[in-house]
Every structure is written in structure tokens, then in C-alpha cells.
């Protein structure tokens, strides 16, 4: 054995420690709450409804939304305007970071446009929580087209604010 490089205990090599499997019942309750929050948010989400964005799925820390690119979403090059791609990604981010029934807003976002989208394309934005602190969270959002090609990647930072989406006890 080399005295300058003693062997490390196996347990010390695992960092961070592996996550424990989630409690299935607690996860189901959290996902039910997330779905209730999404329905309530969508009723007041005039922008998403106006653009016919569909909320396909919302679970705790996760959301998947879809939008079809229409002629009015295209720019002077005949491509989907990046602002609409950002709006779809930002909407998925909003549903994911509010899914815990604690109001949250975007504190910052960065997007990379990777592939052009065209009129008629069906874009899907999938947001997932990467990290959650006391008041801020980090979410990664993937935007894909109907051929499953990656169109854009966004990272968003959320900040919680006062209030909840659902009033009272959502489990009543």
C-alpha cells in the first residue's frame, strides 16, 4: 500500500449520497395537488389559452405543455418567432415551479435556440425541477418538435412570492 495515497473507504466515494426512493403515497398526493394547481392556473392564464397552449401533464416539479405553430407565430423568415418558443418554454416553467401550490415567478431565464420551427410544427415544452432552495429553484426546459427533435433548451430560476394558487386546504 502506498502511504502517500491510502485507499478510501467505499462509502466516502459516493457523493452526493443516492436519493432514497420517494414514498409513493406522498408522491401521489403531491402530483394530485400539482394537477389541481395547473387547472386553477390555466383558468386564469389568458396568454396560454389565447395561443391554444395545452397543459398535457403537471406533476410536482414537472410540467409538459404543447402548442401548434400557426402563421401568426412566424417571423419575416417564415420561421417560428423565437419569442413564441420562449413563451411556450416559460409557460411550462411556470406550471412546474408553481406545482407545489406556493406562488413562484421567474427570477431569470436563458434560452438557446437549437433548431428552427416552422408553421404547422407541434412544439412540446417539458420543464423539470433540477434544484430547490428555500426561496429559489432551478428548472430545465426542453422544447421539441413533433419529430422529437430538440428545438430549444431553457434554464429558469424561480423565486417564491407570498401566497398560494389554491385557497384553503386543497385536499378537502
C-alpha atoms as a PDB file:
ATOM      1  CA  UNK A   1       0.000   0.000   0.000  1.00  0.00           C
ATOM      2  CA  UNK A   2       1.222   3.469  -0.895  1.00  0.00           C
ATOM      3  CA  UNK A   3       1.410   5.501   2.340  1.00  0.00           C
ATOM      4  CA  UNK A   4       1.004   8.777   0.416  1.00  0.00           C
ATOM      5  CA  UNK A   5      -2.257   7.597  -1.188  1.00  0.00           C
ATOM      6  CA  UNK A   6      -4.132   5.438   1.317  1.00  0.00           C
ATOM      7  CA  UNK A   7      -7.242   3.661  -0.010  1.00  0.00           C
ATOM      8  CA  UNK A   8     -10.512   5.499   0.563  1.00  0.00           C
ATOM      9  CA  UNK A   9     -13.455   3.832   2.214  1.00  0.00           C
ATOM     10  CA  UNK A  10     -16.031   2.869  -0.403  1.00  0.00           C
ATOM     11  CA  UNK A  11     -18.784   4.858   1.318  1.00  0.00           C
ATOM     12  CA  UNK A  12     -16.798   8.081   1.011  1.00  0.00           C
ATOM     13  CA  UNK A  13     -16.760   7.773  -2.794  1.00  0.00           C
ATOM     14  CA  UNK A  14     -20.490   8.199  -3.083  1.00  0.00           C
ATOM     15  CA  UNK A  15     -21.285  11.886  -3.018  1.00  0.00           C
ATOM     16  CA  UNK A  16     -23.896  13.072  -3.032  1.00  0.00           C
ATOM     17  CA  UNK A  17     -25.487  10.028  -1.456  1.00  0.00           C
ATOM     18  CA  UNK A  18     -28.075   8.339  -3.675  1.00  0.00           C
ATOM     19  CA  UNK A  19     -31.615   9.614  -3.219  1.00  0.00           C
ATOM     20  CA  UNK A  20     -33.968   7.349  -1.387  1.00  0.00           C
ATOM     21  CA  UNK A  21     -36.974   6.112  -3.356  1.00  0.00           C
ATOM     22  CA  UNK A  22     -39.871   8.531  -2.836  1.00  0.00           C
ATOM     23  CA  UNK A  23     -42.836   7.488  -0.781  1.00  0.00           C
ATOM     24  CA  UNK A  24     -45.389   6.501  -3.428  1.00  0.00           C
ATOM     25  CA  UNK A  25     -48.362   7.783  -1.426  1.00  0.00           C
ATOM     26  CA  UNK A  26     -46.714  11.163  -0.752  1.00  0.00           C
ATOM     27  CA  UNK A  27     -45.753  11.448  -4.431  1.00  0.00           C
ATOM     28  CA  UNK A  28     -49.341  10.697  -5.492  1.00  0.00           C
ATOM     29  CA  UNK A  29     -50.675  13.391  -3.135  1.00  0.00           C
ATOM     30  CA  UNK A  30     -48.111  15.911  -4.434  1.00  0.00           C
ATOM     31  CA  UNK A  31     -48.989  15.066  -8.047  1.00  0.00           C
ATOM     32  CA  UNK A  32     -52.722  15.444  -7.342  1.00  0.00           C
ATOM     33  CA  UNK A  33     -52.041  18.861  -5.813  1.00  0.00           C
ATOM     34  CA  UNK A  34     -49.952  19.818  -8.867  1.00  0.00           C
ATOM     35  CA  UNK A  35     -52.796  18.851 -11.209  1.00  0.00           C
ATOM     36  CA  UNK A  36     -55.263  20.945  -9.165  1.00  0.00           C
ATOM     37  CA  UNK A  37     -52.869  23.899  -9.245  1.00  0.00           C
ATOM     38  CA  UNK A  38     -52.474  23.544 -13.037  1.00  0.00           C
ATOM     39  CA  UNK A  39     -56.242  23.545 -13.617  1.00  0.00           C
ATOM     40  CA  UNK A  40     -56.647  26.649 -11.462  1.00  0.00           C
ATOM     41  CA  UNK A  41     -53.722  28.440 -13.117  1.00  0.00           C
ATOM     42  CA  UNK A  42     -54.965  27.611 -16.628  1.00  0.00           C
ATOM     43  CA  UNK A  43     -58.366  29.129 -15.885  1.00  0.00           C
ATOM     44  CA  UNK A  44     -56.580  32.470 -15.296  1.00  0.00           C
ATOM     45  CA  UNK A  45     -53.804  32.008 -17.904  1.00  0.00           C
ATOM     46  CA  UNK A  46     -55.172  34.219 -20.666  1.00  0.00           C
ATOM     47  CA  UNK A  47     -51.921  34.116 -22.655  1.00  0.00           C
ATOM     48  CA  UNK A  48     -51.731  30.312 -22.851  1.00  0.00           C
ATOM     49  CA  UNK A  49     -55.421  29.974 -23.614  1.00  0.00           C
ATOM     50  CA  UNK A  50     -55.225  32.682 -26.312  1.00  0.00           C
ATOM     51  CA  UNK A  51     -52.369  30.795 -28.012  1.00  0.00           C
ATOM     52  CA  UNK A  52     -54.154  27.419 -27.607  1.00  0.00           C
ATOM     53  CA  UNK A  53     -51.307  26.068 -25.476  1.00  0.00           C
ATOM     54  CA  UNK A  54     -52.363  22.778 -23.936  1.00  0.00           C
ATOM     55  CA  UNK A  55     -51.259  21.608 -20.497  1.00  0.00           C
ATOM     56  CA  UNK A  56     -50.626  17.911 -21.149  1.00  0.00           C
ATOM     57  CA  UNK A  57     -49.279  16.952 -17.747  1.00  0.00           C
ATOM     58  CA  UNK A  58     -48.408  18.585 -14.469  1.00  0.00           C
ATOM     59  CA  UNK A  59     -46.819  16.780 -11.525  1.00  0.00           C
ATOM     60  CA  UNK A  60     -44.821  18.047  -8.563  1.00  0.00           C
ATOM     61  CA  UNK A  61     -41.853  19.903 -10.074  1.00  0.00           C
ATOM     62  CA  UNK A  62     -42.733  18.898 -13.640  1.00  0.00           C
ATOM     63  CA  UNK A  63     -44.918  20.166 -16.476  1.00  0.00           C
ATOM     64  CA  UNK A  64     -45.398  19.338 -20.154  1.00  0.00           C
ATOM     65  CA  UNK A  65     -47.177  21.774 -22.499  1.00  0.00           C
ATOM     66  CA  UNK A  66     -47.881  21.734 -26.248  1.00  0.00           C
ATOM     67  CA  UNK A  67     -48.522  24.360 -28.911  1.00  0.00           C
ATOM     68  CA  UNK A  68     -49.076  24.213 -32.682  1.00  0.00           C
ATOM     69  CA  UNK A  69     -47.210  26.855 -34.694  1.00  0.00           C
ATOM     70  CA  UNK A  70     -49.688  28.961 -36.682  1.00  0.00           C
ATOM     71  CA  UNK A  71     -48.975  31.523 -39.439  1.00  0.00           C
ATOM     72  CA  UNK A  72     -49.215  34.385 -36.926  1.00  0.00           C
ATOM     73  CA  UNK A  73     -46.353  32.799 -34.926  1.00  0.00           C
ATOM     74  CA  UNK A  74     -43.879  33.103 -37.813  1.00  0.00           C
ATOM     75  CA  UNK A  75     -41.355  35.855 -38.431  1.00  0.00           C
ATOM     76  CA  UNK A  76     -40.106  37.527 -41.644  1.00  0.00           C
ATOM     77  CA  UNK A  77     -38.088  34.408 -42.491  1.00  0.00           C
ATOM     78  CA  UNK A  78     -41.151  32.167 -42.357  1.00  0.00           C
ATOM     79  CA  UNK A  79     -39.868  30.507 -39.168  1.00  0.00           C
ATOM     80  CA  UNK A  80     -41.454  30.344 -35.748  1.00  0.00           C
ATOM     81  CA  UNK A  81     -40.514  33.537 -33.919  1.00  0.00           C
ATOM     82  CA  UNK A  82     -38.181  32.781 -31.008  1.00  0.00           C
ATOM     83  CA  UNK A  83     -40.437  34.751 -28.702  1.00  0.00           C
ATOM     84  CA  UNK A  84     -43.174  32.144 -29.103  1.00  0.00           C
ATOM     85  CA  UNK A  85     -40.728  29.336 -28.394  1.00  0.00           C
ATOM     86  CA  UNK A  86     -39.617  31.222 -25.279  1.00  0.00           C
ATOM     87  CA  UNK A  87     -43.237  31.823 -24.254  1.00  0.00           C
ATOM     88  CA  UNK A  88     -44.036  28.102 -24.502  1.00  0.00           C
ATOM     89  CA  UNK A  89     -40.912  27.165 -22.504  1.00  0.00           C
ATOM     90  CA  UNK A  90     -41.631  29.893 -19.947  1.00  0.00           C
ATOM     91  CA  UNK A  91     -45.211  28.677 -19.550  1.00  0.00           C
ATOM     92  CA  UNK A  92     -44.032  25.100 -18.876  1.00  0.00           C
ATOM     93  CA  UNK A  93     -41.548  26.554 -16.375  1.00  0.00           C
ATOM     94  CA  UNK A  94     -44.378  28.477 -14.671  1.00  0.00           C
ATOM     95  CA  UNK A  95     -46.577  25.406 -14.288  1.00  0.00           C
ATOM     96  CA  UNK A  96     -43.678  23.319 -12.949  1.00  0.00           C
ATOM     97  CA  UNK A  97     -42.440  25.869 -10.396  1.00  0.00           C
ATOM     98  CA  UNK A  98     -45.967  26.663  -9.145  1.00  0.00           C
ATOM     99  CA  UNK A  99     -46.940  22.979  -8.917  1.00  0.00           C
ATOM    100  CA  UNK A 100     -46.317  22.905  -5.163  1.00  0.00           C
ATOM    101  CA  UNK A 101     -49.084  25.496  -4.575  1.00  0.00           C
ATOM    102  CA  UNK A 102     -46.580  28.158  -3.495  1.00  0.00           C
ATOM    103  CA  UNK A 103     -46.682  31.138  -5.835  1.00  0.00           C
ATOM    104  CA  UNK A 104     -43.441  31.460  -7.782  1.00  0.00           C
ATOM    105  CA  UNK A 105     -42.234  33.756 -10.556  1.00  0.00           C
ATOM    106  CA  UNK A 106     -39.272  33.751 -12.905  1.00  0.00           C
ATOM    107  CA  UNK A 107     -36.183  35.403 -11.455  1.00  0.00           C
ATOM    108  CA  UNK A 108     -34.150  34.748 -14.582  1.00  0.00           C
ATOM    109  CA  UNK A 109     -34.123  32.671 -17.747  1.00  0.00           C
ATOM    110  CA  UNK A 110     -31.706  31.843 -20.543  1.00  0.00           C
ATOM    111  CA  UNK A 111     -32.665  30.068 -23.741  1.00  0.00           C
ATOM    112  CA  UNK A 112     -30.680  28.509 -26.563  1.00  0.00           C
ATOM    113  CA  UNK A 113     -32.440  28.110 -29.912  1.00  0.00           C
ATOM    114  CA  UNK A 114     -31.061  24.948 -31.486  1.00  0.00           C
ATOM    115  CA  UNK A 115     -33.291  24.227 -34.479  1.00  0.00           C
ATOM    116  CA  UNK A 116     -35.815  26.192 -36.500  1.00  0.00           C
ATOM    117  CA  UNK A 117     -39.509  25.536 -36.005  1.00  0.00           C
ATOM    118  CA  UNK A 118     -41.989  26.016 -38.830  1.00  0.00           C
ATOM    119  CA  UNK A 119     -45.658  26.703 -39.349  1.00  0.00           C
ATOM    120  CA  UNK A 120     -47.591  23.534 -38.588  1.00  0.00           C
ATOM    121  CA  UNK A 121     -44.963  22.131 -36.226  1.00  0.00           C
ATOM    122  CA  UNK A 122     -46.279  20.953 -32.894  1.00  0.00           C
ATOM    123  CA  UNK A 123     -43.883  22.051 -30.150  1.00  0.00           C
ATOM    124  CA  UNK A 124     -43.790  20.434 -26.731  1.00  0.00           C
ATOM    125  CA  UNK A 125     -42.088  22.059 -23.745  1.00  0.00           C
ATOM    126  CA  UNK A 126     -41.105  19.840 -20.836  1.00  0.00           C
ATOM    127  CA  UNK A 127     -39.965  21.509 -17.593  1.00  0.00           C
ATOM    128  CA  UNK A 128     -38.356  19.687 -14.689  1.00  0.00           C
ATOM    129  CA  UNK A 129     -37.058  20.929 -11.355  1.00  0.00           C
ATOM    130  CA  UNK A 130     -33.303  20.490 -11.003  1.00  0.00           C
ATOM    131  CA  UNK A 131     -32.753  22.122  -7.605  1.00  0.00           C
ATOM    132  CA  UNK A 132     -34.871  23.732  -4.920  1.00  0.00           C
ATOM    133  CA  UNK A 133     -33.610  26.048  -2.210  1.00  0.00           C
ATOM    134  CA  UNK A 134     -35.531  27.850   0.486  1.00  0.00           C
ATOM    135  CA  UNK A 135     -36.812  30.595  -1.857  1.00  0.00           C
ATOM    136  CA  UNK A 136     -35.344  29.842  -5.287  1.00  0.00           C
ATOM    137  CA  UNK A 137     -35.389  26.899  -7.645  1.00  0.00           C
ATOM    138  CA  UNK A 138     -33.710  25.935 -10.898  1.00  0.00           C
ATOM    139  CA  UNK A 139     -35.615  24.298 -13.758  1.00  0.00           C
ATOM    140  CA  UNK A 140     -34.508  22.895 -17.096  1.00  0.00           C
ATOM    141  CA  UNK A 141     -36.922  23.135 -20.002  1.00  0.00           C
ATOM    142  CA  UNK A 142     -36.643  21.210 -23.284  1.00  0.00           C
ATOM    143  CA  UNK A 143     -38.634  22.244 -26.346  1.00  0.00           C
ATOM    144  CA  UNK A 144     -39.037  19.555 -29.007  1.00  0.00           C
ATOM    145  CA  UNK A 145     -40.960  19.353 -32.267  1.00  0.00           C
ATOM    146  CA  UNK A 146     -43.390  16.659 -33.370  1.00  0.00           C
ATOM    147  CA  UNK A 147     -40.478  14.608 -34.729  1.00  0.00           C
ATOM    148  CA  UNK A 148     -38.895  14.645 -31.207  1.00  0.00           C
ATOM    149  CA  UNK A 149     -36.044  16.861 -32.455  1.00  0.00           C
ATOM    150  CA  UNK A 150     -34.685  19.283 -29.867  1.00  0.00           C
ATOM    151  CA  UNK A 151     -35.655  22.842 -30.829  1.00  0.00           C
ATOM    152  CA  UNK A 152     -34.596  24.848 -27.744  1.00  0.00           C
ATOM    153  CA  UNK A 153     -33.178  24.486 -24.248  1.00  0.00           C
ATOM    154  CA  UNK A 154     -34.011  26.891 -21.467  1.00  0.00           C
ATOM    155  CA  UNK A 155     -32.878  27.142 -17.861  1.00  0.00           C
ATOM    156  CA  UNK A 156     -35.048  29.118 -15.500  1.00  0.00           C
ATOM    157  CA  UNK A 157     -34.541  30.344 -11.956  1.00  0.00           C
ATOM    158  CA  UNK A 158     -37.704  30.695  -9.891  1.00  0.00           C
ATOM    159  CA  UNK A 159     -38.357  32.792  -6.815  1.00  0.00           C
ATOM    160  CA  UNK A 160     -41.235  32.161  -4.452  1.00  0.00           C
ATOM    161  CA  UNK A 161     -43.521  35.029  -3.541  1.00  0.00           C
ATOM    162  CA  UNK A 162     -46.294  35.351  -0.986  1.00  0.00           C
ATOM    163  CA  UNK A 163     -49.472  33.396  -1.495  1.00  0.00           C
ATOM    164  CA  UNK A 164     -50.767  30.162  -2.905  1.00  0.00           C
ATOM    165  CA  UNK A 165     -52.623  29.259  -6.087  1.00  0.00           C
ATOM    166  CA  UNK A 166     -55.328  27.247  -4.316  1.00  0.00           C
ATOM    167  CA  UNK A 167     -57.214  28.828  -1.469  1.00  0.00           C
ATOM    168  CA  UNK A 168     -57.801  26.816   1.706  1.00  0.00           C
ATOM    169  CA  UNK A 169     -56.953  23.137   2.042  1.00  0.00           C
ATOM    170  CA  UNK A 170     -56.704  21.646  -1.480  1.00  0.00           C
ATOM    171  CA  UNK A 171     -57.279  18.155  -0.092  1.00  0.00           C
ATOM    172  CA  UNK A 172     -60.784  18.841   1.270  1.00  0.00           C
END
